[in-house]
Amino acid sequence: MGIISWIVMGLIVGFLARFVLPGRDPQGIIITILIGVGGALLGGYLGTQFGLGSVSGFDLRSILIATGGAVLILILVRILRRS
């Protein structure tokens, strides 16, 4: 995937993760994209380790894996902010 595809997917995944896990997180579009891209990287890594697949393009499986990774990132950020 190219850089534009990563940005668009990051935006979509970031919005989906915030929809699944609403809360008082930074609401900027850049942060949302970064959460989405980070979620794609984390979800792709974990998905590959557990045999679920990886983030390989714009398909439903990749978006779900990336959204799972982004939700994990949001959970970790919330835990670290409480400490």
N, C-alpha and C. Protein backbone atom coordinates (compact mmCIF):
# COMPACT_ATOMS: atom_id res chain seq x y z
N MET A 1 0.84 -1.17 0.00
CA MET A 1 0.00 0.00 0.00
C MET A 1 0.89 1.23 0.00
N GLY A 2 0.42 2.26 -0.66
CA GLY A 2 1.16 3.51 -0.70
C GLY A 2 0.86 4.37 0.50
N ILE A 3 1.55 5.49 0.59
CA ILE A 3 1.42 6.38 1.74
C ILE A 3 0.00 6.97 1.85
N ILE A 4 -0.60 7.30 0.71
CA ILE A 4 -1.97 7.84 0.73
C ILE A 4 -2.95 6.78 1.23
N SER A 5 -2.74 5.54 0.82
CA SER A 5 -3.60 4.45 1.29
C SER A 5 -3.48 4.26 2.79
N TRP A 6 -2.25 4.35 3.33
CA TRP A 6 -2.05 4.23 4.77
C TRP A 6 -2.74 5.36 5.52
N ILE A 7 -2.68 6.57 4.97
CA ILE A 7 -3.32 7.71 5.62
C ILE A 7 -4.84 7.55 5.62
N VAL A 8 -5.40 7.16 4.48
CA VAL A 8 -6.86 6.99 4.40
C VAL A 8 -7.31 5.84 5.30
N MET A 9 -6.58 4.74 5.26
CA MET A 9 -6.94 3.61 6.12
C MET A 9 -6.78 3.98 7.59
N GLY A 10 -5.73 4.73 7.92
CA GLY A 10 -5.54 5.19 9.29
C GLY A 10 -6.70 6.05 9.77
N LEU A 11 -7.18 6.91 8.90
CA LEU A 11 -8.32 7.77 9.25
C LEU A 11 -9.58 6.93 9.49
N ILE A 12 -9.85 5.99 8.59
CA ILE A 12 -11.03 5.14 8.74
C ILE A 12 -10.93 4.29 10.00
N VAL A 13 -9.78 3.66 10.19
CA VAL A 13 -9.59 2.78 11.36
C VAL A 13 -9.61 3.59 12.65
N GLY A 14 -9.00 4.78 12.64
CA GLY A 14 -9.02 5.63 13.82
C GLY A 14 -10.44 6.02 14.22
N PHE A 15 -11.26 6.38 13.23
CA PHE A 15 -12.66 6.71 13.52
C PHE A 15 -13.42 5.49 14.03
N LEU A 16 -13.18 4.33 13.43
CA LEU A 16 -13.85 3.11 13.90
C LEU A 16 -13.45 2.77 15.33
N ALA A 17 -12.17 2.90 15.64
CA ALA A 17 -11.70 2.61 17.01
C ALA A 17 -12.32 3.57 18.01
N ARG A 18 -12.42 4.82 17.64
CA ARG A 18 -13.04 5.80 18.56
C ARG A 18 -14.54 5.56 18.70
N PHE A 19 -15.16 5.01 17.64
CA PHE A 19 -16.58 4.67 17.72
C PHE A 19 -16.79 3.48 18.64
N VAL A 20 -15.92 2.48 18.55
CA VAL A 20 -16.02 1.28 19.38
C VAL A 20 -15.70 1.61 20.83
N LEU A 21 -14.75 2.49 21.05
CA LEU A 21 -14.28 2.82 22.39
C LEU A 21 -14.34 4.34 22.61
N PRO A 22 -15.55 4.89 22.79
CA PRO A 22 -15.64 6.34 22.95
C PRO A 22 -15.05 6.78 24.28
N GLY A 23 -14.64 8.03 24.32
CA GLY A 23 -14.07 8.56 25.55
C GLY A 23 -13.49 9.93 25.32
N ARG A 24 -12.78 10.43 26.30
CA ARG A 24 -12.20 11.76 26.26
C ARG A 24 -10.75 11.71 25.79
N ASP A 25 -10.53 11.25 24.58
CA ASP A 25 -9.20 11.20 23.99
C ASP A 25 -9.02 12.43 23.10
N PRO A 26 -7.77 12.76 22.76
CA PRO A 26 -7.56 13.86 21.82
C PRO A 26 -8.34 13.63 20.53
N GLN A 27 -9.05 14.64 20.07
CA GLN A 27 -9.97 14.46 18.94
C GLN A 27 -9.44 15.01 17.63
N GLY A 28 -8.17 15.35 17.53
CA GLY A 28 -7.64 15.89 16.30
C GLY A 28 -7.54 14.84 15.21
N ILE A 29 -7.62 15.29 13.97
CA ILE A 29 -7.59 14.37 12.84
C ILE A 29 -6.22 13.73 12.68
N ILE A 30 -5.16 14.45 13.00
CA ILE A 30 -3.81 13.89 12.90
C ILE A 30 -3.63 12.77 13.92
N ILE A 31 -4.10 12.98 15.14
CA ILE A 31 -4.01 11.95 16.18
C ILE A 31 -4.85 10.74 15.79
N THR A 32 -6.02 10.98 15.21
CA THR A 32 -6.87 9.88 14.76
C THR A 32 -6.17 9.05 13.69
N ILE A 33 -5.52 9.71 12.73
CA ILE A 33 -4.78 9.00 11.69
C ILE A 33 -3.62 8.22 12.29
N LEU A 34 -2.90 8.82 13.22
CA LEU A 34 -1.77 8.13 13.85
C LEU A 34 -2.23 6.92 14.66
N ILE A 35 -3.35 7.03 15.35
CA ILE A 35 -3.90 5.90 16.08
C ILE A 35 -4.29 4.79 15.10
N GLY A 36 -4.88 5.17 13.98
CA GLY A 36 -5.28 4.19 12.98
C GLY A 36 -4.09 3.49 12.34
N VAL A 37 -3.07 4.24 11.97
CA VAL A 37 -1.87 3.64 11.37
C VAL A 37 -1.14 2.77 12.40
N GLY A 38 -1.02 3.28 13.62
CA GLY A 38 -0.40 2.48 14.68
C GLY A 38 -1.20 1.21 14.95
N GLY A 39 -2.52 1.32 14.90
CA GLY A 39 -3.37 0.15 15.08
C GLY A 39 -3.19 -0.86 13.96
N ALA A 40 -3.00 -0.37 12.75
CA ALA A 40 -2.75 -1.27 11.62
C ALA A 40 -1.43 -2.01 11.80
N LEU A 41 -0.42 -1.30 12.25
CA LEU A 41 0.88 -1.94 12.48
C LEU A 41 0.80 -2.96 13.62
N LEU A 42 0.21 -2.55 14.74
CA LEU A 42 0.08 -3.46 15.89
C LEU A 42 -0.84 -4.63 15.55
N GLY A 43 -1.98 -4.34 14.95
CA GLY A 43 -2.92 -5.41 14.58
C GLY A 43 -2.33 -6.36 13.56
N GLY A 44 -1.58 -5.83 12.59
CA GLY A 44 -0.93 -6.68 11.60
C GLY A 44 0.11 -7.58 12.23
N TYR A 45 0.87 -7.04 13.16
CA TYR A 45 1.88 -7.84 13.85
C TYR A 45 1.22 -8.95 14.68
N LEU A 46 0.24 -8.55 15.51
CA LEU A 46 -0.42 -9.54 16.36
C LEU A 46 -1.22 -10.54 15.53
N GLY A 47 -1.86 -10.08 14.47
CA GLY A 47 -2.61 -10.98 13.61
C GLY A 47 -1.72 -12.01 12.95
N THR A 48 -0.53 -11.59 12.54
CA THR A 48 0.42 -12.53 11.96
C THR A 48 0.91 -13.52 13.00
N GLN A 49 1.17 -13.07 14.22
CA GLN A 49 1.65 -13.95 15.28
C GLN A 49 0.62 -15.00 15.67
N PHE A 50 -0.66 -14.61 15.66
CA PHE A 50 -1.73 -15.53 16.06
C PHE A 50 -2.37 -16.25 14.88
N GLY A 51 -1.86 -16.04 13.68
CA GLY A 51 -2.36 -16.75 12.50
C GLY A 51 -3.67 -16.22 11.95
N LEU A 52 -4.03 -14.98 12.27
CA LEU A 52 -5.27 -14.40 11.77
C LEU A 52 -5.10 -13.70 10.43
N GLY A 53 -3.89 -13.44 10.04
CA GLY A 53 -3.62 -12.71 8.81
C GLY A 53 -2.93 -11.41 9.14
N SER A 54 -2.71 -10.61 8.12
CA SER A 54 -2.05 -9.33 8.31
C SER A 54 -2.83 -8.25 7.58
N VAL A 55 -2.40 -7.03 7.74
CA VAL A 55 -3.00 -5.90 7.05
C VAL A 55 -2.30 -5.80 5.70
N SER A 56 -3.00 -6.23 4.66
CA SER A 56 -2.36 -6.31 3.35
C SER A 56 -3.04 -5.45 2.30
N GLY A 57 -4.08 -4.76 2.63
CA GLY A 57 -4.75 -3.91 1.66
C GLY A 57 -6.06 -3.40 2.23
N PHE A 58 -6.89 -2.89 1.35
CA PHE A 58 -8.19 -2.35 1.75
C PHE A 58 -9.25 -3.44 1.62
N ASP A 59 -9.28 -4.37 2.53
CA ASP A 59 -10.36 -5.35 2.57
C ASP A 59 -10.90 -5.41 3.99
N LEU A 60 -12.02 -6.10 4.14
CA LEU A 60 -12.70 -6.10 5.44
C LEU A 60 -11.83 -6.71 6.54
N ARG A 61 -11.14 -7.81 6.23
CA ARG A 61 -10.30 -8.45 7.24
C ARG A 61 -9.21 -7.52 7.72
N SER A 62 -8.57 -6.81 6.80
CA SER A 62 -7.50 -5.89 7.18
C SER A 62 -8.02 -4.75 8.04
N ILE A 63 -9.19 -4.23 7.69
CA ILE A 63 -9.77 -3.13 8.47
C ILE A 63 -10.14 -3.61 9.87
N LEU A 64 -10.67 -4.83 9.98
CA LEU A 64 -11.02 -5.35 11.30
C LEU A 64 -9.78 -5.61 12.15
N ILE A 65 -8.73 -6.16 11.54
CA ILE A 65 -7.49 -6.39 12.28
C ILE A 65 -6.89 -5.07 12.73
N ALA A 66 -6.87 -4.08 11.85
CA ALA A 66 -6.31 -2.77 12.18
C ALA A 66 -7.14 -2.08 13.26
N THR A 67 -8.45 -2.21 13.19
CA THR A 67 -9.31 -1.60 14.20
C THR A 67 -9.07 -2.24 15.56
N GLY A 68 -8.88 -3.55 15.59
CA GLY A 68 -8.55 -4.23 16.85
C GLY A 68 -7.26 -3.71 17.44
N GLY A 69 -6.25 -3.50 16.59
CA GLY A 69 -4.99 -2.94 17.06
C GLY A 69 -5.15 -1.52 17.58
N ALA A 70 -5.97 -0.71 16.89
CA ALA A 70 -6.19 0.67 17.32
C ALA A 70 -6.94 0.72 18.65
N VAL A 71 -7.88 -0.19 18.84
CA VAL A 71 -8.59 -0.26 20.12
C VAL A 71 -7.62 -0.62 21.24
N LEU A 72 -6.71 -1.56 20.96
CA LEU A 72 -5.69 -1.90 21.96
C LEU A 72 -4.83 -0.69 22.31
N ILE A 73 -4.46 0.09 21.30
CA ILE A 73 -3.66 1.30 21.55
C ILE A 73 -4.44 2.28 22.42
N LEU A 74 -5.72 2.48 22.12
CA LEU A 74 -6.52 3.40 22.93
C LEU A 74 -6.63 2.91 24.38
N ILE A 75 -6.78 1.60 24.57
CA ILE A 75 -6.85 1.05 25.92
C ILE A 75 -5.53 1.28 26.65
N LEU A 76 -4.41 1.01 25.98
CA LEU A 76 -3.10 1.22 26.60
C LEU A 76 -2.86 2.68 26.96
N VAL A 77 -3.26 3.59 26.08
CA VAL A 77 -3.10 5.02 26.36
C VAL A 77 -3.91 5.43 27.57
N ARG A 78 -5.13 4.91 27.67
CA ARG A 78 -5.97 5.25 28.83
C ARG A 78 -5.40 4.69 30.13
N ILE A 79 -4.85 3.49 30.08
CA ILE A 79 -4.24 2.92 31.28
C ILE A 79 -3.03 3.74 31.70
N LEU A 80 -2.21 4.13 30.74
CA LEU A 80 -1.01 4.91 31.06
C LEU A 80 -1.34 6.30 31.57
N ARG A 81 -2.42 6.90 31.09
CA ARG A 81 -2.81 8.23 31.56
C ARG A 81 -3.31 8.19 32.99
N ARG A 82 -3.93 7.10 33.41
CA ARG A 82 -4.42 7.00 34.79
C ARG A 82 -3.27 6.87 35.78
N SER A 83 -2.18 6.29 35.35
CA SER A 83 -1.05 6.06 36.27
C SER A 83 -0.32 7.33 36.59
